[in-house]
């Protein structure tokens, strides 16, 4: 792809944390980027790209947005486990029906776009072994995890393996606790801990012994870019495959909170509460496959990533 001709790429959820950072990188390398989202704010205000106000749950909107594109990077979703538990109906409509809308639009589009489907470590549920590779059994325990696994299955149902003609070429991306900029949702664990530590407020842990794989935004974006390049080049060997964008390192939420408190020199106290029953207790991802096939290699350690986030967000938090 790339130097021969401009690729036309649609990012659903393009105003979001991952979507907006990805759009910047794609535009910088010369791609034509369109963004589809419910609303647009400071995340994308300086991006020179088409911005489509629309709902992923509305097929007509999706069909029009997909038409003429070479690739669809489908990030639009109810993206927090807690939100799925609070409103499962909307989570299913957005994450499953929204994905089916994208798939059907890709199937009908004359440009035959490849689909990069964003999924999550939540599809595995509680791991049977660590590190978790892509072949690990899928046993999600949350509404969110179930909707993401269902979306993956929907992709398979539209692929050539299901005998459809035309079919949709797709690849699955599984993310794990992405963090690293002020565009992240403030409710997520790292931005929430960082804000409270900078303000000197108490940090409440729901359990705290959860061990998770925290991935810096720049590393996640580098992985998506590599996968997009391979997909647009028509590398048929990757279609239908799933890929981890993880670090391979597990850190407990309790340890994470201490790291952040020490980093900002905070007086915050750590308060321990009961764990949520729908949360996965442990996940460390295996990046062997993604490294071997795509050359993906995370470069930002958690310690360095937290320092970058502190420097990016502290002035704004202090000013509030």
C-alpha atoms as a PDB file:
ATOM      1  CA  UNK A   1       0.000   0.000   0.000  1.00  0.00           C
ATOM      2  CA  UNK A   2       1.042   3.548   0.690  1.00  0.00           C
ATOM      3  CA  UNK A   3       3.370   5.141  -1.835  1.00  0.00           C
ATOM      4  CA  UNK A   4       1.635   3.891  -4.983  1.00  0.00           C
ATOM      5  CA  UNK A   5      -1.782   5.260  -4.178  1.00  0.00           C
ATOM      6  CA  UNK A   6      -3.720   6.801  -1.324  1.00  0.00           C
ATOM      7  CA  UNK A   7      -5.752   4.344   0.739  1.00  0.00           C
ATOM      8  CA  UNK A   8      -9.243   5.392   1.781  1.00  0.00           C
ATOM      9  CA  UNK A   9      -9.826   4.348   5.379  1.00  0.00           C
ATOM     10  CA  UNK A  10     -12.891   4.686   7.607  1.00  0.00           C
ATOM     11  CA  UNK A  11     -12.440   4.621  11.376  1.00  0.00           C
ATOM     12  CA  UNK A  12     -15.658   3.987  13.297  1.00  0.00           C
ATOM     13  CA  UNK A  13     -15.469   5.493  16.761  1.00  0.00           C
ATOM     14  CA  UNK A  14     -12.975   7.857  15.158  1.00  0.00           C
ATOM     15  CA  UNK A  15     -13.310  10.571  17.786  1.00  0.00           C
ATOM     16  CA  UNK A  16     -12.391   8.192  20.585  1.00  0.00           C
ATOM     17  CA  UNK A  17      -9.158   7.597  22.454  1.00  0.00           C
ATOM     18  CA  UNK A  18      -7.654   5.011  20.113  1.00  0.00           C
ATOM     19  CA  UNK A  19      -9.457   6.237  16.997  1.00  0.00           C
ATOM     20  CA  UNK A  20      -8.238   9.823  17.173  1.00  0.00           C
ATOM     21  CA  UNK A  21      -4.600   8.832  17.746  1.00  0.00           C
ATOM     22  CA  UNK A  22      -4.813   6.299  14.924  1.00  0.00           C
ATOM     23  CA  UNK A  23      -6.288   8.910  12.577  1.00  0.00           C
ATOM     24  CA  UNK A  24      -3.331  11.205  13.211  1.00  0.00           C
ATOM     25  CA  UNK A  25      -0.857   8.493  12.243  1.00  0.00           C
ATOM     26  CA  UNK A  26      -2.763   7.432   9.128  1.00  0.00           C
ATOM     27  CA  UNK A  27      -3.087  11.023   7.942  1.00  0.00           C
ATOM     28  CA  UNK A  28       0.619  11.632   8.592  1.00  0.00           C
ATOM     29  CA  UNK A  29       1.550   8.797   6.228  1.00  0.00           C
ATOM     30  CA  UNK A  30      -0.747  10.117   3.510  1.00  0.00           C
ATOM     31  CA  UNK A  31      -3.906   8.058   3.799  1.00  0.00           C
ATOM     32  CA  UNK A  32      -7.364   9.528   3.214  1.00  0.00           C
ATOM     33  CA  UNK A  33      -9.203   9.131   6.518  1.00  0.00           C
ATOM     34  CA  UNK A  34     -12.892   9.407   7.343  1.00  0.00           C
ATOM     35  CA  UNK A  35     -14.204   9.304  10.899  1.00  0.00           C
ATOM     36  CA  UNK A  36     -17.627   8.082  12.002  1.00  0.00           C
ATOM     37  CA  UNK A  37     -18.813   8.895  15.509  1.00  0.00           C
ATOM     38  CA  UNK A  38     -21.770  10.146  17.516  1.00  0.00           C
ATOM     39  CA  UNK A  39     -19.981  13.414  18.247  1.00  0.00           C
ATOM     40  CA  UNK A  40     -16.675  15.166  17.731  1.00  0.00           C
ATOM     41  CA  UNK A  41     -14.711  17.225  20.250  1.00  0.00           C
ATOM     42  CA  UNK A  42     -11.184  18.430  20.994  1.00  0.00           C
ATOM     43  CA  UNK A  43      -9.804  14.953  20.255  1.00  0.00           C
ATOM     44  CA  UNK A  44     -10.172  15.512  16.519  1.00  0.00           C
ATOM     45  CA  UNK A  45     -10.747  19.226  16.068  1.00  0.00           C
ATOM     46  CA  UNK A  46      -7.430  19.772  14.280  1.00  0.00           C
ATOM     47  CA  UNK A  47      -7.632  16.698  12.034  1.00  0.00           C
ATOM     48  CA  UNK A  48      -8.052  17.342   8.335  1.00  0.00           C
ATOM     49  CA  UNK A  49     -10.413  14.449   7.694  1.00  0.00           C
ATOM     50  CA  UNK A  50     -14.031  13.802   6.806  1.00  0.00           C
ATOM     51  CA  UNK A  51     -16.131  13.669   9.982  1.00  0.00           C
ATOM     52  CA  UNK A  52     -19.416  11.813   9.762  1.00  0.00           C
ATOM     53  CA  UNK A  53     -21.869  12.351  12.606  1.00  0.00           C
ATOM     54  CA  UNK A  54     -23.732   9.089  12.874  1.00  0.00           C
ATOM     55  CA  UNK A  55     -24.693   6.048  14.934  1.00  0.00           C
ATOM     56  CA  UNK A  56     -23.076   2.680  14.297  1.00  0.00           C
ATOM     57  CA  UNK A  57     -26.442   1.114  15.144  1.00  0.00           C
ATOM     58  CA  UNK A  58     -28.031   2.727  12.068  1.00  0.00           C
ATOM     59  CA  UNK A  59     -27.389   0.620   8.970  1.00  0.00           C
ATOM     60  CA  UNK A  60     -28.087   3.339   6.396  1.00  0.00           C
ATOM     61  CA  UNK A  61     -25.523   5.620   7.999  1.00  0.00           C
ATOM     62  CA  UNK A  62     -22.936   2.854   8.105  1.00  0.00           C
ATOM     63  CA  UNK A  63     -23.639   1.756   4.524  1.00  0.00           C
ATOM     64  CA  UNK A  64     -23.054   5.265   3.206  1.00  0.00           C
ATOM     65  CA  UNK A  65     -19.885   5.753   5.273  1.00  0.00           C
ATOM     66  CA  UNK A  66     -18.359   2.435   4.176  1.00  0.00           C
ATOM     67  CA  UNK A  67     -18.991   2.937   0.463  1.00  0.00           C
ATOM     68  CA  UNK A  68     -15.814   3.497  -1.559  1.00  0.00           C
ATOM     69  CA  UNK A  69     -13.400   2.692   1.274  1.00  0.00           C
ATOM     70  CA  UNK A  70     -10.409   0.362   1.072  1.00  0.00           C
ATOM     71  CA  UNK A  71     -10.370  -0.516   4.772  1.00  0.00           C
ATOM     72  CA  UNK A  72     -12.665  -0.161   7.759  1.00  0.00           C
ATOM     73  CA  UNK A  73     -11.118   0.006  11.219  1.00  0.00           C
ATOM     74  CA  UNK A  74     -14.072  -0.740  13.464  1.00  0.00           C
ATOM     75  CA  UNK A  75     -13.480   0.742  16.909  1.00  0.00           C
ATOM     76  CA  UNK A  76     -16.975   2.054  17.730  1.00  0.00           C
ATOM     77  CA  UNK A  77     -18.315   0.247  20.795  1.00  0.00           C
ATOM     78  CA  UNK A  78     -19.658   0.384  24.291  1.00  0.00           C
ATOM     79  CA  UNK A  79     -16.103   0.152  25.508  1.00  0.00           C
ATOM     80  CA  UNK A  80     -16.208  -0.385  29.270  1.00  0.00           C
ATOM     81  CA  UNK A  81     -17.045  -3.600  31.057  1.00  0.00           C
ATOM     82  CA  UNK A  82     -18.980  -1.689  33.726  1.00  0.00           C
ATOM     83  CA  UNK A  83     -21.162   0.040  31.122  1.00  0.00           C
ATOM     84  CA  UNK A  84     -22.096  -3.312  29.638  1.00  0.00           C
ATOM     85  CA  UNK A  85     -23.254  -4.522  33.035  1.00  0.00           C
ATOM     86  CA  UNK A  86     -25.260  -1.346  33.615  1.00  0.00           C
ATOM     87  CA  UNK A  87     -26.990  -1.356  30.220  1.00  0.00           C
ATOM     88  CA  UNK A  88     -26.675  -4.741  28.486  1.00  0.00           C
ATOM     89  CA  UNK A  89     -29.298  -3.882  25.850  1.00  0.00           C
ATOM     90  CA  UNK A  90     -27.332  -0.936  24.496  1.00  0.00           C
ATOM     91  CA  UNK A  91     -24.095  -2.915  24.769  1.00  0.00           C
ATOM     92  CA  UNK A  92     -25.531  -5.682  22.566  1.00  0.00           C
ATOM     93  CA  UNK A  93     -27.047  -3.236  20.077  1.00  0.00           C
ATOM     94  CA  UNK A  94     -23.824  -1.295  19.724  1.00  0.00           C
ATOM     95  CA  UNK A  95     -21.218  -4.043  19.864  1.00  0.00           C
ATOM     96  CA  UNK A  96     -22.986  -6.853  18.042  1.00  0.00           C
ATOM     97  CA  UNK A  97     -25.596  -5.194  15.818  1.00  0.00           C
ATOM     98  CA  UNK A  98     -23.176  -2.352  15.071  1.00  0.00           C
ATOM     99  CA  UNK A  99     -20.589  -4.869  13.894  1.00  0.00           C
ATOM    100  CA  UNK A 100     -23.132  -6.711  11.748  1.00  0.00           C
ATOM    101  CA  UNK A 101     -24.058  -3.358  10.174  1.00  0.00           C
ATOM    102  CA  UNK A 102     -20.399  -2.810   9.279  1.00  0.00           C
ATOM    103  CA  UNK A 103     -20.046  -6.336   7.912  1.00  0.00           C
ATOM    104  CA  UNK A 104     -23.157  -6.072   5.762  1.00  0.00           C
ATOM    105  CA  UNK A 105     -21.999  -2.681   4.454  1.00  0.00           C
ATOM    106  CA  UNK A 106     -18.588  -4.138   3.598  1.00  0.00           C
ATOM    107  CA  UNK A 107     -20.265  -7.066   1.825  1.00  0.00           C
ATOM    108  CA  UNK A 108     -22.370  -4.688  -0.296  1.00  0.00           C
ATOM    109  CA  UNK A 109     -19.617  -2.138  -1.039  1.00  0.00           C
ATOM    110  CA  UNK A 110     -18.137  -2.318  -4.551  1.00  0.00           C
ATOM    111  CA  UNK A 111     -14.730  -1.323  -3.159  1.00  0.00           C
ATOM    112  CA  UNK A 112     -14.614  -4.596  -1.137  1.00  0.00           C
ATOM    113  CA  UNK A 113     -12.947  -3.088   1.942  1.00  0.00           C
ATOM    114  CA  UNK A 114     -11.016  -5.199   4.404  1.00  0.00           C
ATOM    115  CA  UNK A 115     -12.308  -5.028   7.980  1.00  0.00           C
ATOM    116  CA  UNK A 116     -10.057  -4.607  11.018  1.00  0.00           C
ATOM    117  CA  UNK A 117     -12.302  -5.543  13.934  1.00  0.00           C
ATOM    118  CA  UNK A 118     -11.389  -4.285  17.414  1.00  0.00           C
ATOM    119  CA  UNK A 119     -11.908  -6.861  20.138  1.00  0.00           C
ATOM    120  CA  UNK A 120     -10.663  -7.362  23.677  1.00  0.00           C
ATOM    121  CA  UNK A 121      -8.889  -9.605  26.130  1.00  0.00           C
ATOM    122  CA  UNK A 122     -12.323  -9.911  27.775  1.00  0.00           C
ATOM    123  CA  UNK A 123     -13.305 -12.623  25.268  1.00  0.00           C
ATOM    124  CA  UNK A 124     -11.125 -15.114  27.165  1.00  0.00           C
ATOM    125  CA  UNK A 125     -12.704 -14.651  30.566  1.00  0.00           C
ATOM    126  CA  UNK A 126     -10.650 -16.045  33.434  1.00  0.00           C
ATOM    127  CA  UNK A 127      -7.506 -17.573  31.877  1.00  0.00           C
ATOM    128  CA  UNK A 128      -6.715 -21.253  32.147  1.00  0.00           C
ATOM    129  CA  UNK A 129      -3.020 -20.470  31.652  1.00  0.00           C
ATOM    130  CA  UNK A 130      -0.642 -17.530  31.284  1.00  0.00           C
ATOM    131  CA  UNK A 131       0.430 -15.919  29.098  1.00  0.00           C
ATOM    132  CA  UNK A 132      -2.776 -16.136  27.087  1.00  0.00           C
ATOM    133  CA  UNK A 133      -2.306 -16.819  23.375  1.00  0.00           C
ATOM    134  CA  UNK A 134      -4.871 -16.329  20.613  1.00  0.00           C
ATOM    135  CA  UNK A 135      -5.878 -19.982  20.710  1.00  0.00           C
ATOM    136  CA  UNK A 136      -6.935 -19.865  24.373  1.00  0.00           C
ATOM    137  CA  UNK A 137     -10.556 -20.981  24.949  1.00  0.00           C
ATOM    138  CA  UNK A 138     -13.063 -18.116  24.811  1.00  0.00           C
ATOM    139  CA  UNK A 139     -15.125 -18.032  28.008  1.00  0.00           C
ATOM    140  CA  UNK A 140     -16.171 -14.408  28.630  1.00  0.00           C
ATOM    141  CA  UNK A 141     -17.738 -13.616  32.007  1.00  0.00           C
ATOM    142  CA  UNK A 142     -19.057 -10.074  31.408  1.00  0.00           C
ATOM    143  CA  UNK A 143     -21.761  -8.727  29.098  1.00  0.00           C
ATOM    144  CA  UNK A 144     -19.081  -6.701  27.332  1.00  0.00           C
ATOM    145  CA  UNK A 145     -16.898  -9.772  26.796  1.00  0.00           C
ATOM    146  CA  UNK A 146     -19.842 -11.738  25.433  1.00  0.00           C
ATOM    147  CA  UNK A 147     -20.727  -8.985  22.958  1.00  0.00           C
ATOM    148  CA  UNK A 148     -17.138  -8.784  21.746  1.00  0.00           C
ATOM    149  CA  UNK A 149     -16.914 -12.532  21.214  1.00  0.00           C
ATOM    150  CA  UNK A 150     -20.232 -12.435  19.397  1.00  0.00           C
ATOM    151  CA  UNK A 151     -18.885  -9.663  17.145  1.00  0.00           C
ATOM    152  CA  UNK A 152     -15.861 -11.837  16.349  1.00  0.00           C
ATOM    153  CA  UNK A 153     -18.175 -14.725  15.447  1.00  0.00           C
ATOM    154  CA  UNK A 154     -20.197 -12.391  13.240  1.00  0.00           C
ATOM    155  CA  UNK A 155     -17.010 -11.541  11.338  1.00  0.00           C
ATOM    156  CA  UNK A 156     -16.370 -15.240  10.798  1.00  0.00           C
ATOM    157  CA  UNK A 157     -19.925 -15.710   9.521  1.00  0.00           C
ATOM    158  CA  UNK A 158     -19.293 -13.094   6.814  1.00  0.00           C
ATOM    159  CA  UNK A 159     -15.938 -14.566   5.788  1.00  0.00           C
ATOM    160  CA  UNK A 160     -15.157 -16.908   2.910  1.00  0.00           C
ATOM    161  CA  UNK A 161     -15.058 -19.767   5.423  1.00  0.00           C
ATOM    162  CA  UNK A 162     -18.837 -19.491   5.655  1.00  0.00           C
ATOM    163  CA  UNK A 163     -19.190 -19.890   1.905  1.00  0.00           C
ATOM    164  CA  UNK A 164     -20.513 -16.382   1.322  1.00  0.00           C
ATOM    165  CA  UNK A 165     -20.081 -14.766  -2.071  1.00  0.00           C
ATOM    166  CA  UNK A 166     -19.157 -12.008  -1.827  1.00  0.00           C
ATOM    167  CA  UNK A 167     -17.484 -12.416   1.547  1.00  0.00           C
ATOM    168  CA  UNK A 168     -15.667  -9.946   3.797  1.00  0.00           C
ATOM    169  CA  UNK A 169     -11.937 -10.215   4.474  1.00  0.00           C
ATOM    170  CA  UNK A 170     -11.348  -9.437   8.129  1.00  0.00           C
ATOM    171  CA  UNK A 171      -8.754  -9.544  10.881  1.00  0.00           C
ATOM    172  CA  UNK A 172      -9.332  -9.407  14.642  1.00  0.00           C
ATOM    173  CA  UNK A 173      -7.371  -7.093  16.954  1.00  0.00           C
ATOM    174  CA  UNK A 174      -7.481  -7.833  20.684  1.00  0.00           C
ATOM    175  CA  UNK A 175      -6.486  -4.973  22.964  1.00  0.00           C
ATOM    176  CA  UNK A 176      -5.578  -5.028  26.640  1.00  0.00           C
ATOM    177  CA  UNK A 177      -5.961  -2.025  28.981  1.00  0.00           C
ATOM    178  CA  UNK A 178      -4.750   0.669  26.603  1.00  0.00           C
ATOM    179  CA  UNK A 179      -3.687   3.935  28.294  1.00  0.00           C
ATOM    180  CA  UNK A 180      -1.527   6.959  27.712  1.00  0.00           C
ATOM    181  CA  UNK A 181      -3.199  10.288  26.921  1.00  0.00           C
ATOM    182  CA  UNK A 182      -5.725  12.833  28.102  1.00  0.00           C
ATOM    183  CA  UNK A 183      -8.186  11.534  25.473  1.00  0.00           C
ATOM    184  CA  UNK A 184      -8.801   8.357  27.455  1.00  0.00           C
ATOM    185  CA  UNK A 185     -12.046   7.906  29.359  1.00  0.00           C
ATOM    186  CA  UNK A 186     -11.566   9.379  32.854  1.00  0.00           C
ATOM    187  CA  UNK A 187     -13.364   6.376  34.394  1.00  0.00           C
ATOM    188  CA  UNK A 188     -10.695   3.917  33.274  1.00  0.00           C
ATOM    189  CA  UNK A 189      -8.312   2.642  35.899  1.00  0.00           C
ATOM    190  CA  UNK A 190      -5.068   4.434  34.955  1.00  0.00           C
ATOM    191  CA  UNK A 191      -6.474   7.913  34.210  1.00  0.00           C
ATOM    192  CA  UNK A 192      -8.686   7.651  37.296  1.00  0.00           C
ATOM    193  CA  UNK A 193      -5.756   6.707  39.531  1.00  0.00           C
ATOM    194  CA  UNK A 194      -3.557   9.397  37.978  1.00  0.00           C
ATOM    195  CA  UNK A 195      -6.147  12.131  38.516  1.00  0.00           C
ATOM    196  CA  UNK A 196      -6.773  11.142  42.114  1.00  0.00           C
ATOM    197  CA  UNK A 197      -3.061  10.877  42.899  1.00  0.00           C
ATOM    198  CA  UNK A 198      -2.313  14.321  41.444  1.00  0.00           C
ATOM    199  CA  UNK A 199      -5.178  15.797  43.482  1.00  0.00           C
ATOM    200  CA  UNK A 200      -4.125  13.914  46.613  1.00  0.00           C
ATOM    201  CA  UNK A 201      -7.463  12.101  46.836  1.00  0.00           C
ATOM    202  CA  UNK A 202      -7.943   8.587  48.166  1.00  0.00           C
ATOM    203  CA  UNK A 203      -7.758   5.778  45.613  1.00  0.00           C
ATOM    204  CA  UNK A 204     -10.324   3.001  46.020  1.00  0.00           C
ATOM    205  CA  UNK A 205      -9.429  -0.462  44.792  1.00  0.00           C
ATOM    206  CA  UNK A 206     -12.101  -3.021  44.036  1.00  0.00           C
ATOM    207  CA  UNK A 207     -10.055  -6.026  44.986  1.00  0.00           C
ATOM    208  CA  UNK A 208      -6.624  -4.792  43.932  1.00  0.00           C
ATOM    209  CA  UNK A 209      -5.078  -8.178  43.341  1.00  0.00           C
ATOM    210  CA  UNK A 210      -6.141  -8.238  39.684  1.00  0.00           C
ATOM    211  CA  UNK A 211      -3.104  -8.717  37.451  1.00  0.00           C
ATOM    212  CA  UNK A 212      -3.454  -7.027  34.058  1.00  0.00           C
ATOM    213  CA  UNK A 213      -1.473  -6.264  30.917  1.00  0.00           C
ATOM    214  CA  UNK A 214      -1.339  -2.464  30.436  1.00  0.00           C
ATOM    215  CA  UNK A 215      -0.469  -1.309  26.904  1.00  0.00           C
ATOM    216  CA  UNK A 216       0.691   2.201  26.003  1.00  0.00           C
ATOM    217  CA  UNK A 217      -1.317   3.939  23.276  1.00  0.00           C
ATOM    218  CA  UNK A 218       1.689   4.434  20.965  1.00  0.00           C
ATOM    219  CA  UNK A 219       2.409   0.703  20.994  1.00  0.00           C
ATOM    220  CA  UNK A 220      -1.224  -0.151  20.293  1.00  0.00           C
ATOM    221  CA  UNK A 221      -1.304   2.306  17.394  1.00  0.00           C
ATOM    222  CA  UNK A 222       1.941   0.910  15.952  1.00  0.00           C
ATOM    223  CA  UNK A 223       0.379  -2.548  15.937  1.00  0.00           C
ATOM    224  CA  UNK A 224      -2.786  -1.383  14.207  1.00  0.00           C
ATOM    225  CA  UNK A 225      -0.707   0.457  11.593  1.00  0.00           C
ATOM    226  CA  UNK A 226       1.281  -2.683  10.831  1.00  0.00           C
ATOM    227  CA  UNK A 227      -1.890  -4.727  10.531  1.00  0.00           C
ATOM    228  CA  UNK A 228      -3.535  -2.108   8.328  1.00  0.00           C
ATOM    229  CA  UNK A 229      -0.527  -2.092   6.011  1.00  0.00           C
ATOM    230  CA  UNK A 230      -0.509  -5.882   5.672  1.00  0.00           C
ATOM    231  CA  UNK A 231      -4.273  -5.927   5.084  1.00  0.00           C
ATOM    232  CA  UNK A 232      -4.219  -3.210   2.429  1.00  0.00           C
ATOM    233  CA  UNK A 233      -1.363  -4.946   0.659  1.00  0.00           C
ATOM    234  CA  UNK A 234      -3.708  -7.909   0.266  1.00  0.00           C
ATOM    235  CA  UNK A 235      -1.758 -10.380   2.400  1.00  0.00           C
ATOM    236  CA  UNK A 236      -4.351 -13.136   2.265  1.00  0.00           C
ATOM    237  CA  UNK A 237      -2.555 -15.209   4.889  1.00  0.00           C
ATOM    238  CA  UNK A 238      -3.641 -12.849   7.657  1.00  0.00           C
ATOM    239  CA  UNK A 239      -7.337 -12.697   6.776  1.00  0.00           C
ATOM    240  CA  UNK A 240      -9.453 -14.465   9.357  1.00  0.00           C
ATOM    241  CA  UNK A 241      -6.603 -14.339  11.887  1.00  0.00           C
ATOM    242  CA  UNK A 242      -6.629 -12.767  15.352  1.00  0.00           C
ATOM    243  CA  UNK A 243      -3.794 -10.721  16.865  1.00  0.00           C
ATOM    244  CA  UNK A 244      -2.854  -9.537  20.339  1.00  0.00           C
ATOM    245  CA  UNK A 245      -1.587  -6.006  20.912  1.00  0.00           C
ATOM    246  CA  UNK A 246      -0.248  -6.507  24.430  1.00  0.00           C
ATOM    247  CA  UNK A 247       3.021  -6.209  26.367  1.00  0.00           C
ATOM    248  CA  UNK A 248       3.352  -9.676  27.887  1.00  0.00           C
ATOM    249  CA  UNK A 249       3.869  -8.176  31.341  1.00  0.00           C
ATOM    250  CA  UNK A 250       1.389  -8.449  34.188  1.00  0.00           C
ATOM    251  CA  UNK A 251       1.092  -5.856  36.959  1.00  0.00           C
ATOM    252  CA  UNK A 252      -1.415  -5.935  39.814  1.00  0.00           C
ATOM    253  CA  UNK A 253      -3.851  -3.061  40.207  1.00  0.00           C
ATOM    254  CA  UNK A 254      -2.564  -2.598  43.760  1.00  0.00           C
ATOM    255  CA  UNK A 255       1.023  -2.301  42.500  1.00  0.00           C
ATOM    256  CA  UNK A 256      -0.161   0.058  39.779  1.00  0.00           C
ATOM    257  CA  UNK A 257      -1.753   2.403  42.298  1.00  0.00           C
ATOM    258  CA  UNK A 258       1.458   2.511  44.333  1.00  0.00           C
ATOM    259  CA  UNK A 259       3.518   3.209  41.217  1.00  0.00           C
ATOM    260  CA  UNK A 260       1.310   6.183  40.340  1.00  0.00           C
ATOM    261  CA  UNK A 261       1.285   7.570  43.876  1.00  0.00           C
ATOM    262  CA  UNK A 262       5.086   7.372  44.056  1.00  0.00           C
ATOM    263  CA  UNK A 263       5.450   8.854  40.572  1.00  0.00           C
ATOM    264  CA  UNK A 264       3.543  12.032  41.407  1.00  0.00           C
ATOM    265  CA  UNK A 265       4.701  12.240  45.034  1.00  0.00           C
ATOM    266  CA  UNK A 266       1.114  12.041  46.232  1.00  0.00           C
ATOM    267  CA  UNK A 267      -0.350  11.871  49.715  1.00  0.00           C
ATOM    268  CA  UNK A 268      -3.228   9.724  48.442  1.00  0.00           C
ATOM    269  CA  UNK A 269      -4.273   6.749  50.535  1.00  0.00           C
ATOM    270  CA  UNK A 270      -5.194   3.384  49.024  1.00  0.00           C
ATOM    271  CA  UNK A 271      -8.548   2.029  50.181  1.00  0.00           C
ATOM    272  CA  UNK A 272      -9.464  -1.606  49.568  1.00  0.00           C
ATOM    273  CA  UNK A 273     -12.993  -2.726  48.736  1.00  0.00           C
ATOM    274  CA  UNK A 274     -14.696  -5.848  47.432  1.00  0.00           C
ATOM    275  CA  UNK A 275     -13.956  -6.955  43.885  1.00  0.00           C
ATOM    276  CA  UNK A 276     -16.606  -6.813  41.163  1.00  0.00           C
ATOM    277  CA  UNK A 277     -17.835 -10.289  40.234  1.00  0.00           C
ATOM    278  CA  UNK A 278     -17.834  -9.551  36.488  1.00  0.00           C
ATOM    279  CA  UNK A 279     -14.176  -8.525  36.317  1.00  0.00           C
ATOM    280  CA  UNK A 280     -11.449 -10.837  35.065  1.00  0.00           C
ATOM    281  CA  UNK A 281      -8.911 -11.366  37.846  1.00  0.00           C
ATOM    282  CA  UNK A 282      -5.827 -12.032  35.779  1.00  0.00           C
ATOM    283  CA  UNK A 283      -4.644 -11.487  32.228  1.00  0.00           C
ATOM    284  CA  UNK A 284      -1.191 -11.434  30.669  1.00  0.00           C
ATOM    285  CA  UNK A 285      -1.089 -11.653  26.898  1.00  0.00           C
ATOM    286  CA  UNK A 286       1.225 -13.604  24.624  1.00  0.00           C
ATOM    287  CA  UNK A 287       2.515 -11.446  21.752  1.00  0.00           C
ATOM    288  CA  UNK A 288       4.494 -14.204  19.978  1.00  0.00           C
ATOM    289  CA  UNK A 289       2.125 -14.484  17.008  1.00  0.00           C
ATOM    290  CA  UNK A 290       1.796 -10.729  16.459  1.00  0.00           C
ATOM    291  CA  UNK A 291       5.550 -10.254  16.662  1.00  0.00           C
ATOM    292  CA  UNK A 292       6.275 -13.128  14.268  1.00  0.00           C
ATOM    293  CA  UNK A 293       3.715 -12.190  11.613  1.00  0.00           C
ATOM    294  CA  UNK A 294       3.520  -8.389  11.889  1.00  0.00           C
ATOM    295  CA  UNK A 295       6.804  -7.470  13.542  1.00  0.00           C
ATOM    296  CA  UNK A 296       4.894  -5.916  16.439  1.00  0.00           C
ATOM    297  CA  UNK A 297       7.087  -5.037  19.397  1.00  0.00           C
ATOM    298  CA  UNK A 298       5.919  -2.896  22.349  1.00  0.00           C
ATOM    299  CA  UNK A 299       8.552  -0.291  23.214  1.00  0.00           C
ATOM    300  CA  UNK A 300       7.078   1.732  26.086  1.00  0.00           C
ATOM    301  CA  UNK A 301       7.383   0.237  29.565  1.00  0.00           C
ATOM    302  CA  UNK A 302       4.619   0.860  32.084  1.00  0.00           C
ATOM    303  CA  UNK A 303       6.941   3.048  34.154  1.00  0.00           C
ATOM    304  CA  UNK A 304       7.821   5.223  31.163  1.00  0.00           C
ATOM    305  CA  UNK A 305       4.250   5.308  29.902  1.00  0.00           C
ATOM    306  CA  UNK A 306       2.980   6.516  33.275  1.00  0.00           C
ATOM    307  CA  UNK A 307       5.562   9.316  33.282  1.00  0.00           C
ATOM    308  CA  UNK A 308       4.415  10.400  29.822  1.00  0.00           C
ATOM    309  CA  UNK A 309       0.780  10.357  30.943  1.00  0.00           C
ATOM    310  CA  UNK A 310       1.629  12.364  34.061  1.00  0.00           C
ATOM    311  CA  UNK A 311       3.358  15.008  31.989  1.00  0.00           C
ATOM    312  CA  UNK A 312       0.509  15.149  29.476  1.00  0.00           C
ATOM    313  CA  UNK A 313      -2.298  15.422  31.994  1.00  0.00           C
ATOM    314  CA  UNK A 314      -0.955  17.004  35.200  1.00  0.00           C
ATOM    315  CA  UNK A 315      -1.207  20.657  34.039  1.00  0.00           C
ATOM    316  CA  UNK A 316      -4.855  20.179  33.040  1.00  0.00           C
ATOM    317  CA  UNK A 317      -5.803  18.323  36.214  1.00  0.00           C
ATOM    318  CA  UNK A 318      -4.116  20.880  38.461  1.00  0.00           C
ATOM    319  CA  UNK A 319      -5.838  23.755  36.614  1.00  0.00           C
ATOM    320  CA  UNK A 320      -9.325  22.371  37.300  1.00  0.00           C
END
